[in-house]
Protein backbone atom coordinates (compact mmCIF):
# COMPACT_ATOMS: atom_id res chain seq x y z
CA MET A 1 -9.86 -9.22 8.88
CA LYS A 2 -8.80 -5.71 7.90
CA GLU A 3 -5.19 -4.66 7.33
CA PHE A 4 -3.45 -1.88 9.24
CA LEU A 5 -0.05 -0.27 8.80
CA VAL A 6 1.29 0.18 12.32
CA GLU A 7 4.32 2.18 13.39
CA LEU A 8 5.38 1.37 16.94
CA THR A 9 7.98 3.38 18.82
CA THR A 10 9.31 1.95 22.06
CA THR A 11 10.62 4.23 24.79
CA VAL A 12 11.95 2.43 27.83
CA PRO A 13 11.27 4.48 30.95
CA GLU A 14 14.38 6.05 32.40
CA GLY A 15 15.76 4.07 35.32
CA THR A 16 14.22 0.75 34.23
CA ASP A 17 16.40 -2.17 35.27
CA GLN A 18 18.05 -3.86 32.26
CA ALA A 19 16.86 -7.27 33.47
CA VAL A 20 13.25 -6.04 33.24
CA VAL A 21 13.87 -4.74 29.72
CA ASP A 22 15.44 -8.06 28.69
CA GLU A 23 12.51 -10.04 30.16
CA ARG A 24 9.95 -7.92 28.33
CA ARG A 25 11.84 -8.15 25.04
CA ALA A 26 12.02 -11.94 25.33
CA ALA A 27 8.30 -12.10 26.13
CA GLU A 28 7.64 -9.74 23.20
CA ALA A 29 9.30 -12.18 20.78
CA ILE A 30 7.14 -15.02 22.06
CA ARG A 31 3.96 -12.94 21.83
CA ALA A 32 4.83 -11.83 18.28
CA ARG A 33 5.10 -15.49 17.22
CA GLU A 34 1.72 -16.21 18.83
CA LEU A 35 0.08 -13.24 17.08
CA THR A 36 1.59 -14.39 13.78
CA ALA A 37 0.14 -17.88 14.29
CA GLN A 38 -3.26 -16.30 15.05
CA GLY A 39 -3.12 -14.31 11.81
CA HIS A 40 -2.77 -10.86 13.42
CA LEU A 41 0.85 -10.07 12.55
CA PHE A 42 1.60 -10.34 8.83
CA ARG A 43 4.92 -8.47 8.32
CA LEU A 44 7.29 -6.53 10.56
CA TRP A 45 10.33 -4.34 9.83
CA ARG A 46 12.69 -2.26 11.94
CA PRO A 47 14.40 0.81 10.50
CA VAL A 48 18.14 0.42 10.93
CA GLY A 49 19.41 1.72 14.27
CA GLU A 50 16.00 2.63 15.69
CA LEU A 51 13.76 1.33 18.48
CA ARG A 52 10.82 1.58 16.12
CA SER A 53 9.02 -1.00 14.06
CA ILE A 54 6.72 -0.82 11.07
CA GLY A 55 4.38 -3.66 10.33
CA VAL A 56 1.25 -4.90 8.67
CA TRP A 57 -1.22 -6.13 11.26
CA LEU A 58 -4.69 -7.63 10.85
CA ALA A 59 -7.76 -7.30 13.06
CA ASP A 60 -11.52 -7.00 12.72
CA ASP A 61 -11.31 -3.27 13.48
CA GLU A 62 -9.02 -0.69 15.05
CA ALA A 63 -10.52 -1.18 18.51
CA GLU A 64 -9.66 -4.89 18.45
CA LEU A 65 -6.21 -4.09 17.10
CA ARG A 66 -5.48 -1.63 19.92
CA GLU A 67 -7.11 -3.50 22.81
CA LYS A 68 -6.69 -7.20 22.10
CA VAL A 69 -3.78 -7.42 19.69
CA LEU A 70 -1.29 -4.61 20.31
CA GLY A 71 -2.50 -4.27 23.89
CA SER A 72 -1.32 -7.84 24.53
CA LEU A 73 2.29 -7.01 23.72
CA PRO A 74 4.58 -6.99 26.79
CA LEU A 75 6.24 -3.75 25.58
CA TRP A 76 2.88 -2.04 24.84
CA PRO A 77 2.99 0.13 28.00
CA TRP A 78 6.24 1.62 26.66
CA MET A 79 5.01 2.08 23.10
CA THR A 80 3.33 4.75 21.07
CA ALA A 81 1.44 3.67 17.98
CA VAL A 82 0.51 5.31 14.71
CA ILE A 83 -2.17 3.19 13.06
CA THR A 84 -3.26 3.61 9.45
CA PRO A 85 -6.12 1.50 8.08
CA LEU A 86 -5.31 0.08 4.65
CA GLN A 87 -7.34 -0.92 1.64
CA SER A 88 -6.32 -2.73 -1.49
CA HIS A 89 -4.99 -0.66 -4.39
CA PRO A 90 -6.16 -1.61 -7.88
CA ASN A 91 -2.53 -1.61 -9.13
CA ASP A 92 -1.13 -3.72 -6.29
CA PRO A 93 1.10 -6.34 -7.94
CA GLY A 94 0.39 -8.66 -5.00
CA ARG A 95 -3.35 -8.80 -5.62
CA ALA A 96 -4.79 -12.15 -6.60
CA ALA A 97 -5.44 -12.32 -10.34
């Protein structure tokens, strides 16, 4: 699978009932665990104080990432995504020796 740096920004539609937001967030946590177990979600960070996340995701290609991986997230309809394909850097200290 290929690696992608993904920045997701969530904007809850104005007037959305808080119970709906809470349900989707709970379902989002469950789906994130499933995607991790499937090898699609590698790392995830949230900048302090923001409804935005930055993560390393894996998929066969960007179409699969958008449609089958990110598209399966319960909050996806409220998200915008910036996706950057990644490749290994020769000086990456995490590369296998």
